[in-house]
Amino acid sequence: MSKYTTDSQKAYMKYCGNYKHLINPEWIELLLSTKGIPISPWKDHKENEIKEEIDFDQLLTSTQDERDLFISGPYGESLIMAEMFTEENIPFELDFKEFQHLFAGDWWIIKQLPGQYMPIHRDTAIFYEENNRIWMPFIDYQQGHVFIHEGNFIKDYKAGDMFKYYKDNDLHGSINLSTTPRLVLQISQKPIPYDR
């Protein structure tokens, strides 16, 4: 078992090895100096009202629209949770050599600046029963870089550490309490069926 996972984490995120050699240092500089697409709670639910009392049990089984509505309520519509880079706005060509085949589905890079946070959520309303999902930080773990996956605090990782998990609808969230940015590559081997 990897030194990066506990017994409880092993069931959810499997450590696959370190692939820092695939990360071009210029990518880090470009990502840090380029503004990505701001990720904020969705606030396009004109017909719905925000409930004052949140049923957290219902949140676990709700649709994506209901979860978006939940996030946009208590956390406020002006919250910028992070910045995102995809093939449409990334400032370089992402070449992952022997892992390039993983990019046939969907991928994105999250830049989370100090003070930004993403509430616990699930990514999709429609999810695959089996799907390889990859989580790879581009920067070493720093105190204050918080990533929670299914109740587990993922920490002490190094840039290029690759983790795999298999469920699209796992609960996860993050916050940057440090003074340095977080950069994380995420890959879904199957296209994510967003309705947006």
N, C-alpha and C. Protein backbone atom coordinates (compact mmCIF):
# COMPACT_ATOMS: atom_id res chain seq x y z
N MET A 1 0.84 -1.18 0.00
CA MET A 1 0.00 0.00 0.00
C MET A 1 0.89 1.24 0.00
N SER A 2 0.47 2.27 -0.72
CA SER A 2 1.23 3.50 -0.82
C SER A 2 1.30 4.24 0.50
N LYS A 3 2.39 4.98 0.70
CA LYS A 3 2.48 5.80 1.90
C LYS A 3 1.52 6.98 1.85
N TYR A 4 0.89 7.20 0.68
CA TYR A 4 0.00 8.34 0.53
C TYR A 4 -1.45 8.01 0.85
N THR A 5 -1.77 6.77 1.09
CA THR A 5 -3.16 6.42 1.34
C THR A 5 -3.29 5.63 2.63
N THR A 6 -4.39 5.82 3.31
CA THR A 6 -4.71 5.03 4.49
C THR A 6 -5.56 3.84 4.03
N ASP A 7 -5.86 2.94 4.95
CA ASP A 7 -6.71 1.80 4.59
C ASP A 7 -8.05 2.27 4.05
N SER A 8 -8.63 3.31 4.67
CA SER A 8 -9.93 3.77 4.21
C SER A 8 -9.81 4.46 2.85
N GLN A 9 -8.70 5.13 2.59
CA GLN A 9 -8.53 5.78 1.30
C GLN A 9 -8.32 4.77 0.19
N LYS A 10 -7.71 3.65 0.51
CA LYS A 10 -7.37 2.66 -0.52
C LYS A 10 -8.61 2.20 -1.28
N ALA A 11 -9.75 2.16 -0.58
CA ALA A 11 -10.97 1.72 -1.22
C ALA A 11 -11.46 2.73 -2.26
N TYR A 12 -11.02 3.96 -2.15
CA TYR A 12 -11.55 5.00 -3.03
C TYR A 12 -10.52 5.54 -4.01
N MET A 13 -9.32 5.87 -3.55
CA MET A 13 -8.30 6.43 -4.43
C MET A 13 -7.06 5.56 -4.35
N LYS A 14 -6.70 4.98 -5.47
CA LYS A 14 -5.55 4.09 -5.52
C LYS A 14 -4.33 4.86 -6.03
N TYR A 15 -3.23 4.78 -5.29
CA TYR A 15 -2.00 5.42 -5.72
C TYR A 15 -1.37 4.57 -6.82
N CYS A 16 -1.04 5.19 -7.97
CA CYS A 16 -0.55 4.45 -9.13
C CYS A 16 0.93 4.70 -9.43
N GLY A 17 1.57 5.60 -8.72
CA GLY A 17 2.97 5.90 -8.98
C GLY A 17 3.18 7.38 -9.24
N ASN A 18 4.45 7.77 -9.37
CA ASN A 18 4.77 9.17 -9.61
C ASN A 18 5.23 9.35 -11.06
N TYR A 19 4.64 10.34 -11.73
CA TYR A 19 4.93 10.60 -13.13
C TYR A 19 5.32 12.06 -13.35
N LYS A 20 6.08 12.60 -12.41
CA LYS A 20 6.48 13.99 -12.50
C LYS A 20 7.26 14.28 -13.78
N HIS A 21 7.95 13.26 -14.31
CA HIS A 21 8.73 13.46 -15.53
C HIS A 21 7.86 13.87 -16.71
N LEU A 22 6.55 13.63 -16.62
CA LEU A 22 5.64 14.01 -17.70
C LEU A 22 5.22 15.47 -17.63
N ILE A 23 5.44 16.11 -16.48
CA ILE A 23 4.99 17.50 -16.29
C ILE A 23 6.11 18.45 -16.70
N ASN A 24 5.86 19.21 -17.74
CA ASN A 24 6.83 20.20 -18.21
C ASN A 24 6.80 21.40 -17.25
N PRO A 25 7.95 21.79 -16.67
CA PRO A 25 7.96 22.93 -15.74
C PRO A 25 7.38 24.21 -16.35
N GLU A 26 7.49 24.36 -17.67
CA GLU A 26 6.92 25.54 -18.32
C GLU A 26 5.40 25.56 -18.19
N TRP A 27 4.78 24.35 -18.13
CA TRP A 27 3.33 24.30 -17.97
C TRP A 27 2.92 24.99 -16.68
N ILE A 28 3.67 24.72 -15.61
CA ILE A 28 3.34 25.30 -14.30
C ILE A 28 3.38 26.83 -14.40
N GLU A 29 4.44 27.36 -14.99
CA GLU A 29 4.58 28.81 -15.12
C GLU A 29 3.43 29.40 -15.93
N LEU A 30 3.07 28.73 -17.03
CA LEU A 30 1.99 29.24 -17.87
C LEU A 30 0.64 29.17 -17.17
N LEU A 31 0.39 28.09 -16.46
CA LEU A 31 -0.88 27.97 -15.74
C LEU A 31 -1.00 29.01 -14.63
N LEU A 32 0.11 29.26 -13.94
CA LEU A 32 0.07 30.23 -12.84
C LEU A 32 -0.05 31.67 -13.35
N SER A 33 0.45 31.93 -14.55
CA SER A 33 0.43 33.30 -15.06
C SER A 33 -0.76 33.58 -15.99
N THR A 34 -1.57 32.55 -16.28
CA THR A 34 -2.72 32.71 -17.17
C THR A 34 -4.01 32.54 -16.38
N LYS A 35 -4.99 33.39 -16.68
CA LYS A 35 -6.28 33.27 -16.01
C LYS A 35 -7.10 32.18 -16.68
N GLY A 36 -7.63 31.26 -15.87
CA GLY A 36 -8.49 30.21 -16.38
C GLY A 36 -9.95 30.64 -16.36
N ILE A 37 -10.83 29.73 -16.71
CA ILE A 37 -12.27 29.98 -16.66
C ILE A 37 -12.70 29.95 -15.19
N PRO A 38 -13.30 31.02 -14.67
CA PRO A 38 -13.73 31.01 -13.26
C PRO A 38 -14.83 29.98 -13.04
N ILE A 39 -14.70 29.21 -11.99
CA ILE A 39 -15.74 28.26 -11.61
C ILE A 39 -16.49 28.88 -10.45
N SER A 40 -17.78 29.11 -10.65
CA SER A 40 -18.60 29.68 -9.59
C SER A 40 -19.89 28.89 -9.47
N PRO A 41 -20.61 29.01 -8.36
CA PRO A 41 -21.89 28.30 -8.25
C PRO A 41 -22.84 28.77 -9.34
N TRP A 42 -23.59 27.84 -9.89
CA TRP A 42 -24.52 28.18 -10.96
C TRP A 42 -25.71 28.92 -10.38
N LYS A 43 -26.10 29.99 -11.01
CA LYS A 43 -27.19 30.81 -10.50
C LYS A 43 -28.22 31.07 -11.59
N ASP A 44 -28.52 30.05 -12.38
CA ASP A 44 -29.45 30.23 -13.49
C ASP A 44 -30.76 29.51 -13.24
N HIS A 45 -31.16 29.46 -11.98
CA HIS A 45 -32.40 28.75 -11.61
C HIS A 45 -33.45 29.79 -11.25
N LYS A 46 -33.93 30.51 -12.25
CA LYS A 46 -34.84 31.62 -12.01
C LYS A 46 -36.14 31.15 -11.37
N GLU A 47 -36.60 29.94 -11.74
CA GLU A 47 -37.91 29.51 -11.27
C GLU A 47 -37.84 28.87 -9.89
N ASN A 48 -36.66 28.55 -9.43
CA ASN A 48 -36.53 27.88 -8.14
C ASN A 48 -36.13 28.86 -7.04
N GLU A 49 -36.53 28.55 -5.86
CA GLU A 49 -36.14 29.36 -4.71
C GLU A 49 -35.16 28.57 -3.86
N ILE A 50 -34.22 29.26 -3.28
CA ILE A 50 -33.27 28.62 -2.40
C ILE A 50 -33.97 28.27 -1.09
N LYS A 51 -33.85 27.03 -0.68
CA LYS A 51 -34.44 26.62 0.60
C LYS A 51 -33.57 27.10 1.75
N GLU A 52 -34.21 27.60 2.77
CA GLU A 52 -33.44 28.06 3.92
C GLU A 52 -32.85 26.88 4.70
N GLU A 53 -33.62 25.79 4.76
CA GLU A 53 -33.13 24.60 5.45
C GLU A 53 -32.69 23.58 4.40
N ILE A 54 -31.47 23.09 4.55
CA ILE A 54 -30.93 22.15 3.57
C ILE A 54 -31.06 20.73 4.11
N ASP A 55 -31.63 19.84 3.32
CA ASP A 55 -31.73 18.43 3.68
C ASP A 55 -30.50 17.73 3.09
N PHE A 56 -29.49 17.49 3.94
CA PHE A 56 -28.23 16.93 3.46
C PHE A 56 -28.39 15.50 2.95
N ASP A 57 -29.33 14.75 3.53
CA ASP A 57 -29.58 13.40 3.01
C ASP A 57 -30.11 13.45 1.59
N GLN A 58 -30.99 14.41 1.33
CA GLN A 58 -31.52 14.56 -0.02
C GLN A 58 -30.44 15.01 -0.99
N LEU A 59 -29.51 15.81 -0.50
CA LEU A 59 -28.42 16.30 -1.35
C LEU A 59 -27.63 15.13 -1.94
N LEU A 60 -27.48 14.05 -1.18
CA LEU A 60 -26.69 12.92 -1.63
C LEU A 60 -27.35 12.17 -2.78
N THR A 61 -28.66 12.33 -2.95
CA THR A 61 -29.36 11.62 -4.01
C THR A 61 -30.03 12.55 -5.00
N SER A 62 -29.77 13.84 -4.90
CA SER A 62 -30.46 14.81 -5.75
C SER A 62 -29.87 14.86 -7.15
N THR A 63 -30.56 15.55 -8.04
CA THR A 63 -30.08 15.73 -9.41
C THR A 63 -28.99 16.80 -9.43
N GLN A 64 -28.29 16.90 -10.55
CA GLN A 64 -27.24 17.92 -10.67
C GLN A 64 -27.82 19.31 -10.50
N ASP A 65 -28.99 19.59 -11.08
CA ASP A 65 -29.59 20.91 -10.94
C ASP A 65 -29.88 21.23 -9.49
N GLU A 66 -30.38 20.25 -8.74
CA GLU A 66 -30.65 20.48 -7.33
C GLU A 66 -29.38 20.73 -6.55
N ARG A 67 -28.31 20.02 -6.91
CA ARG A 67 -27.04 20.25 -6.21
C ARG A 67 -26.47 21.62 -6.57
N ASP A 68 -26.59 22.01 -7.84
CA ASP A 68 -26.14 23.33 -8.24
C ASP A 68 -26.89 24.41 -7.47
N LEU A 69 -28.18 24.21 -7.32
CA LEU A 69 -29.02 25.15 -6.60
C LEU A 69 -28.57 25.23 -5.14
N PHE A 70 -28.26 24.08 -4.56
CA PHE A 70 -27.78 24.05 -3.17
C PHE A 70 -26.50 24.85 -3.02
N ILE A 71 -25.55 24.62 -3.94
CA ILE A 71 -24.28 25.32 -3.83
C ILE A 71 -24.46 26.82 -4.03
N SER A 72 -25.35 27.20 -4.95
CA SER A 72 -25.50 28.62 -5.24
C SER A 72 -26.25 29.36 -4.13
N GLY A 73 -26.89 28.61 -3.23
CA GLY A 73 -27.63 29.25 -2.16
C GLY A 73 -26.77 29.67 -0.99
N PRO A 74 -26.42 28.72 -0.10
CA PRO A 74 -25.69 29.10 1.10
C PRO A 74 -24.32 29.70 0.84
N TYR A 75 -23.70 29.38 -0.30
CA TYR A 75 -22.35 29.86 -0.55
C TYR A 75 -22.31 31.15 -1.35
N GLY A 76 -23.43 31.55 -1.92
CA GLY A 76 -23.48 32.83 -2.62
C GLY A 76 -23.04 32.74 -4.06
N GLU A 77 -23.71 33.49 -4.92
CA GLU A 77 -23.46 33.41 -6.35
C GLU A 77 -22.14 34.05 -6.76
N SER A 78 -21.54 34.87 -5.90
CA SER A 78 -20.31 35.56 -6.28
C SER A 78 -19.05 34.75 -5.97
N LEU A 79 -19.21 33.59 -5.34
CA LEU A 79 -18.07 32.76 -4.97
C LEU A 79 -17.31 32.28 -6.21
N ILE A 80 -16.03 32.54 -6.27
CA ILE A 80 -15.16 31.94 -7.30
C ILE A 80 -14.43 30.80 -6.62
N MET A 81 -14.77 29.57 -6.98
CA MET A 81 -14.25 28.40 -6.29
C MET A 81 -12.86 28.01 -6.78
N ALA A 82 -12.57 28.29 -8.05
CA ALA A 82 -11.28 27.94 -8.66
C ALA A 82 -11.31 28.45 -10.09
N GLU A 83 -10.22 28.21 -10.81
CA GLU A 83 -10.17 28.47 -12.25
C GLU A 83 -9.91 27.14 -12.94
N MET A 84 -10.47 27.00 -14.16
CA MET A 84 -10.37 25.73 -14.87
C MET A 84 -9.74 25.95 -16.25
N PHE A 85 -8.90 24.99 -16.63
CA PHE A 85 -8.32 24.95 -17.96
C PHE A 85 -8.76 23.66 -18.64
N THR A 86 -9.18 23.75 -19.89
CA THR A 86 -9.54 22.59 -20.71
C THR A 86 -8.81 22.74 -22.04
N GLU A 87 -9.07 21.83 -22.97
CA GLU A 87 -8.41 21.92 -24.27
C GLU A 87 -8.77 23.21 -25.00
N GLU A 88 -9.86 23.86 -24.59
CA GLU A 88 -10.30 25.08 -25.26
C GLU A 88 -9.51 26.32 -24.82
N ASN A 89 -8.95 26.32 -23.62
CA ASN A 89 -8.29 27.54 -23.15
C ASN A 89 -6.91 27.31 -22.54
N ILE A 90 -6.40 26.09 -22.62
CA ILE A 90 -5.09 25.83 -22.02
C ILE A 90 -4.01 26.53 -22.87
N PRO A 91 -3.04 27.18 -22.24
CA PRO A 91 -2.07 27.99 -22.99
C PRO A 91 -0.88 27.20 -23.55
N PHE A 92 -1.01 25.90 -23.69
CA PHE A 92 0.05 25.06 -24.25
C PHE A 92 -0.57 23.75 -24.71
N GLU A 93 0.20 22.95 -25.43
CA GLU A 93 -0.28 21.64 -25.86
C GLU A 93 0.07 20.62 -24.78
N LEU A 94 -0.93 19.96 -24.25
CA LEU A 94 -0.73 18.99 -23.18
C LEU A 94 -0.33 17.65 -23.79
N ASP A 95 0.93 17.28 -23.63
CA ASP A 95 1.45 16.02 -24.18
C ASP A 95 1.85 15.13 -23.02
N PHE A 96 1.08 14.06 -22.81
CA PHE A 96 1.34 13.17 -21.69
C PHE A 96 1.92 11.84 -22.14
N LYS A 97 2.52 11.84 -23.30
CA LYS A 97 3.27 10.70 -23.82
C LYS A 97 2.52 9.38 -23.66
N GLU A 98 3.02 8.47 -22.82
CA GLU A 98 2.42 7.13 -22.74
C GLU A 98 1.01 7.13 -22.14
N PHE A 99 0.60 8.27 -21.55
CA PHE A 99 -0.75 8.34 -20.98
C PHE A 99 -1.68 9.18 -21.84
N GLN A 100 -1.26 9.55 -23.04
CA GLN A 100 -2.07 10.41 -23.88
C GLN A 100 -3.42 9.78 -24.20
N HIS A 101 -3.48 8.43 -24.23
CA HIS A 101 -4.74 7.75 -24.53
C HIS A 101 -5.82 8.04 -23.48
N LEU A 102 -5.41 8.43 -22.27
CA LEU A 102 -6.39 8.74 -21.24
C LEU A 102 -7.22 9.96 -21.58
N PHE A 103 -6.68 10.82 -22.45
CA PHE A 103 -7.34 12.08 -22.75
C PHE A 103 -8.42 11.95 -23.81
N ALA A 104 -8.80 10.73 -24.15
CA ALA A 104 -9.88 10.51 -25.12
C ALA A 104 -11.24 10.89 -24.54
N GLY A 105 -11.35 10.87 -23.22
CA GLY A 105 -12.60 11.27 -22.56
C GLY A 105 -12.58 12.76 -22.29
N ASP A 106 -12.72 13.14 -21.04
CA ASP A 106 -12.67 14.54 -20.64
C ASP A 106 -11.52 14.76 -19.68
N TRP A 107 -10.94 15.95 -19.71
CA TRP A 107 -9.89 16.31 -18.77
C TRP A 107 -9.98 17.81 -18.49
N TRP A 108 -9.47 18.18 -17.35
CA TRP A 108 -9.43 19.57 -16.98
C TRP A 108 -8.36 19.76 -15.92
N ILE A 109 -7.83 20.98 -15.84
CA ILE A 109 -6.86 21.33 -14.81
C ILE A 109 -7.49 22.41 -13.94
N ILE A 110 -7.44 22.19 -12.65
CA ILE A 110 -7.99 23.14 -11.69
C ILE A 110 -6.86 23.94 -11.06
N LYS A 111 -7.00 25.27 -11.10
CA LYS A 111 -6.10 26.15 -10.36
C LYS A 111 -6.91 26.78 -9.24
N GLN A 112 -6.49 26.51 -8.02
CA GLN A 112 -7.21 27.05 -6.87
C GLN A 112 -6.26 27.98 -6.11
N LEU A 113 -6.61 29.25 -6.11
CA LEU A 113 -5.77 30.26 -5.47
C LEU A 113 -6.02 30.30 -3.98
N PRO A 114 -5.09 30.87 -3.21
CA PRO A 114 -5.29 30.98 -1.76
C PRO A 114 -6.64 31.64 -1.44
N GLY A 115 -7.36 31.01 -0.52
CA GLY A 115 -8.66 31.53 -0.11
C GLY A 115 -9.84 30.99 -0.89
N GLN A 116 -9.60 30.31 -2.01
CA GLN A 116 -10.70 29.75 -2.78
C GLN A 116 -11.09 28.38 -2.24
N TYR A 117 -12.36 28.06 -2.34
CA TYR A 117 -12.83 26.76 -1.85
C TYR A 117 -13.98 26.26 -2.70
N MET A 118 -14.08 24.94 -2.79
CA MET A 118 -15.13 24.27 -3.54
C MET A 118 -15.88 23.36 -2.57
N PRO A 119 -17.13 23.69 -2.25
CA PRO A 119 -17.89 22.88 -1.29
C PRO A 119 -17.97 21.41 -1.72
N ILE A 120 -18.18 20.55 -0.75
CA ILE A 120 -18.34 19.12 -1.03
C ILE A 120 -19.47 18.94 -2.04
N HIS A 121 -19.19 18.14 -3.09
CA HIS A 121 -20.16 17.98 -4.17
C HIS A 121 -19.89 16.68 -4.92
N ARG A 122 -20.76 16.37 -5.83
CA ARG A 122 -20.56 15.29 -6.80
C ARG A 122 -20.47 15.94 -8.17
N ASP A 123 -19.67 15.38 -9.08
CA ASP A 123 -19.43 16.03 -10.36
C ASP A 123 -20.60 15.96 -11.33
N THR A 124 -21.27 14.83 -11.40
CA THR A 124 -22.27 14.65 -12.46
C THR A 124 -23.57 14.09 -11.91
N ALA A 125 -24.67 14.42 -12.61
CA ALA A 125 -25.96 13.83 -12.27
C ALA A 125 -26.08 12.44 -12.88
N ILE A 126 -25.57 12.28 -14.09
CA ILE A 126 -25.55 10.98 -14.77
C ILE A 126 -24.12 10.47 -14.69
N PHE A 127 -23.93 9.28 -14.15
CA PHE A 127 -22.56 8.80 -14.00
C PHE A 127 -22.45 7.36 -14.49
N TYR A 128 -21.24 6.98 -14.83
CA TYR A 128 -20.97 5.63 -15.29
C TYR A 128 -20.77 4.72 -14.09
N GLU A 129 -21.23 3.48 -14.20
CA GLU A 129 -21.01 2.51 -13.13
C GLU A 129 -19.52 2.27 -12.94
N GLU A 130 -18.79 2.19 -14.04
CA GLU A 130 -17.34 2.01 -13.97
C GLU A 130 -16.69 3.01 -14.91
N ASN A 131 -15.74 3.75 -14.37
CA ASN A 131 -15.05 4.74 -15.17
C ASN A 131 -13.73 5.05 -14.46
N ASN A 132 -12.64 4.99 -15.18
CA ASN A 132 -11.36 5.36 -14.58
C ASN A 132 -11.27 6.87 -14.49
N ARG A 133 -11.10 7.36 -13.27
CA ARG A 133 -10.91 8.78 -13.03
C ARG A 133 -9.51 8.96 -12.47
N ILE A 134 -8.79 9.93 -12.99
CA ILE A 134 -7.41 10.20 -12.58
C ILE A 134 -7.36 11.54 -11.87
N TRP A 135 -6.59 11.60 -10.79
CA TRP A 135 -6.34 12.83 -10.03
C TRP A 135 -4.84 12.96 -9.87
N MET A 136 -4.25 14.03 -10.45
CA MET A 136 -2.80 14.19 -10.39
C MET A 136 -2.43 15.64 -10.07
N PRO A 137 -1.83 15.89 -8.92
CA PRO A 137 -1.38 17.25 -8.61
C PRO A 137 -0.16 17.61 -9.44
N PHE A 138 -0.09 18.87 -9.86
CA PHE A 138 1.07 19.38 -10.59
C PHE A 138 2.07 20.05 -9.65
N ILE A 139 1.66 20.27 -8.40
CA ILE A 139 2.50 20.95 -7.41
C ILE A 139 2.51 20.09 -6.14
N ASP A 140 3.66 20.03 -5.47
CA ASP A 140 3.77 19.29 -4.21
C ASP A 140 2.74 19.79 -3.19
N TYR A 141 2.30 18.88 -2.34
CA TYR A 141 1.40 19.24 -1.25
C TYR A 141 2.04 20.30 -0.36
N GLN A 142 1.24 21.29 0.00
CA GLN A 142 1.65 22.31 0.97
C GLN A 142 0.62 22.31 2.09
N GLN A 143 1.04 22.62 3.30
CA GLN A 143 0.07 22.75 4.38
C GLN A 143 -0.96 23.79 3.98
N GLY A 144 -2.21 23.41 4.09
CA GLY A 144 -3.30 24.29 3.68
C GLY A 144 -3.91 23.92 2.35
N HIS A 145 -3.28 23.01 1.59
CA HIS A 145 -3.87 22.49 0.36
C HIS A 145 -4.77 21.33 0.76
N VAL A 146 -6.05 21.58 0.83
CA VAL A 146 -6.98 20.58 1.36
C VAL A 146 -7.80 19.98 0.23
N PHE A 147 -7.76 18.65 0.11
CA PHE A 147 -8.63 17.92 -0.81
C PHE A 147 -9.27 16.78 -0.03
N ILE A 148 -10.59 16.76 -0.01
CA ILE A 148 -11.35 15.74 0.70
C ILE A 148 -12.04 14.86 -0.34
N HIS A 149 -11.83 13.55 -0.24
CA HIS A 149 -12.46 12.60 -1.16
C HIS A 149 -13.12 11.51 -0.34
N GLU A 150 -14.46 11.46 -0.42
CA GLU A 150 -15.22 10.48 0.35
C GLU A 150 -14.82 10.48 1.83
N GLY A 151 -14.67 11.66 2.40
CA GLY A 151 -14.36 11.79 3.82
C GLY A 151 -12.90 11.66 4.17
N ASN A 152 -12.04 11.40 3.20
CA ASN A 152 -10.61 11.24 3.45
C ASN A 152 -9.84 12.49 3.02
N PHE A 153 -8.94 12.93 3.87
CA PHE A 153 -8.08 14.08 3.59
C PHE A 153 -6.86 13.56 2.84
N ILE A 154 -6.74 13.92 1.56
CA ILE A 154 -5.62 13.46 0.72
C ILE A 154 -4.50 14.49 0.87
N LYS A 155 -3.36 14.05 1.39
CA LYS A 155 -2.26 14.99 1.64
C LYS A 155 -0.91 14.30 1.47
N ASP A 156 0.16 15.06 1.71
CA ASP A 156 1.53 14.54 1.63
C ASP A 156 1.89 13.98 0.27
N TYR A 157 1.20 14.44 -0.76
CA TYR A 157 1.51 13.97 -2.11
C TYR A 157 2.60 14.84 -2.73
N LYS A 158 3.18 14.32 -3.80
CA LYS A 158 4.20 15.04 -4.57
C LYS A 158 3.64 15.35 -5.96
N ALA A 159 4.19 16.37 -6.59
CA ALA A 159 3.81 16.67 -7.97
C ALA A 159 4.02 15.43 -8.83
N GLY A 160 3.03 15.07 -9.62
CA GLY A 160 3.13 13.91 -10.49
C GLY A 160 2.61 12.63 -9.89
N ASP A 161 2.25 12.62 -8.61
CA ASP A 161 1.63 11.42 -8.02
C ASP A 161 0.28 11.20 -8.71
N MET A 162 0.08 10.00 -9.22
CA MET A 162 -1.17 9.68 -9.90
C MET A 162 -2.05 8.82 -9.03
N PHE A 163 -3.29 9.25 -8.84
CA PHE A 163 -4.28 8.48 -8.10
C PHE A 163 -5.42 8.14 -9.05
N LYS A 164 -5.99 6.96 -8.86
CA LYS A 164 -7.11 6.51 -9.69
C LYS A 164 -8.29 6.17 -8.80
N TYR A 165 -9.47 6.53 -9.24
CA TYR A 165 -10.68 6.05 -8.58
C TYR A 165 -11.70 5.71 -9.65
N TYR A 166 -12.80 5.09 -9.26
CA TYR A 166 -13.65 4.42 -10.25
C TYR A 166 -15.09 4.89 -10.25
N LYS A 167 -15.45 5.79 -9.35
CA LYS A 167 -16.85 6.21 -9.26
C LYS A 167 -16.96 7.69 -9.60
N ASP A 168 -17.79 8.00 -10.58
CA ASP A 168 -17.98 9.38 -10.99
C ASP A 168 -18.68 10.22 -9.92
N ASN A 169 -19.49 9.56 -9.10
CA ASN A 169 -20.31 10.35 -8.18
C ASN A 169 -19.77 10.37 -6.75
N ASP A 170 -18.47 10.15 -6.58
CA ASP A 170 -17.88 10.26 -5.25
C ASP A 170 -17.97 11.70 -4.74
N LEU A 171 -18.24 11.83 -3.45
CA LEU A 171 -18.27 13.15 -2.83
C LEU A 171 -16.84 13.66 -2.65
N HIS A 172 -16.62 14.92 -3.02
CA HIS A 172 -15.30 15.51 -2.85
C HIS A 172 -15.42 17.03 -2.81
N GLY A 173 -14.38 17.66 -2.32
CA GLY A 173 -14.34 19.12 -2.25
C GLY A 173 -12.94 19.55 -1.87
N SER A 174 -12.69 20.85 -1.95
CA SER A 174 -11.33 21.33 -1.68
C SER A 174 -11.37 22.77 -1.17
N ILE A 175 -10.26 23.14 -0.54
CA ILE A 175 -10.08 24.52 -0.10
C ILE A 175 -8.58 24.79 -0.07
N ASN A 176 -8.22 26.01 -0.39
CA ASN A 176 -6.81 26.40 -0.33
C ASN A 176 -6.63 27.38 0.82
N LEU A 177 -6.09 26.87 1.91
CA LEU A 177 -5.83 27.68 3.11
C LEU A 177 -4.39 28.15 3.17
N SER A 178 -3.63 27.87 2.12
CA SER A 178 -2.21 28.20 2.12
C SER A 178 -1.98 29.58 1.49
N THR A 179 -0.73 29.89 1.23
CA THR A 179 -0.39 31.13 0.53
C THR A 179 0.13 30.84 -0.88
N THR A 180 -0.01 29.58 -1.33
CA THR A 180 0.44 29.17 -2.66
C THR A 180 -0.70 28.51 -3.42
N PRO A 181 -0.73 28.62 -4.76
CA PRO A 181 -1.81 28.01 -5.55
C PRO A 181 -1.76 26.48 -5.53
N ARG A 182 -2.91 25.86 -5.74
CA ARG A 182 -3.03 24.43 -6.00
C ARG A 182 -3.24 24.25 -7.50
N LEU A 183 -2.59 23.24 -8.09
CA LEU A 183 -2.80 22.89 -9.50
C LEU A 183 -3.01 21.38 -9.58
N VAL A 184 -4.15 20.97 -10.12
CA VAL A 184 -4.46 19.54 -10.18
C VAL A 184 -5.06 19.20 -11.54
N LEU A 185 -4.51 18.16 -12.17
CA LEU A 185 -5.07 17.60 -13.39
C LEU A 185 -6.08 16.53 -13.02
N GLN A 186 -7.25 16.57 -13.66
CA GLN A 186 -8.25 15.53 -13.46
C GLN A 186 -8.68 14.99 -14.82
N ILE A 187 -8.82 13.68 -14.89
CA ILE A 187 -9.16 13.03 -16.15
C ILE A 187 -10.32 12.06 -15.92
N SER A 188 -11.26 12.06 -16.84
CA SER A 188 -12.30 11.04 -16.90
C SER A 188 -12.10 10.29 -18.20
N GLN A 189 -11.84 8.98 -18.13
CA GLN A 189 -11.59 8.23 -19.37
C GLN A 189 -12.81 8.16 -20.26
N LYS A 190 -13.99 8.35 -19.69
CA LYS A 190 -15.21 8.43 -20.50
C LYS A 190 -15.71 9.87 -20.47
N PRO A 191 -16.28 10.34 -21.56
CA PRO A 191 -16.79 11.71 -21.57
C PRO A 191 -17.83 11.92 -20.49
N ILE A 192 -17.74 13.06 -19.82
CA ILE A 192 -18.70 13.38 -18.76
C ILE A 192 -19.96 13.94 -19.39
N PRO A 193 -21.11 13.36 -19.09
CA PRO A 193 -22.34 13.77 -19.77
C PRO A 193 -23.00 15.00 -19.16
N TYR A 194 -22.28 16.12 -19.17
CA TYR A 194 -22.89 17.36 -18.69
C TYR A 194 -23.99 17.79 -19.64
N ASP A 195 -25.05 18.33 -19.09
CA ASP A 195 -26.14 18.83 -19.90
C ASP A 195 -25.94 20.28 -20.29
N ARG A 196 -24.90 20.93 -19.77
CA ARG A 196 -24.72 22.37 -20.00
C ARG A 196 -24.14 22.61 -21.38
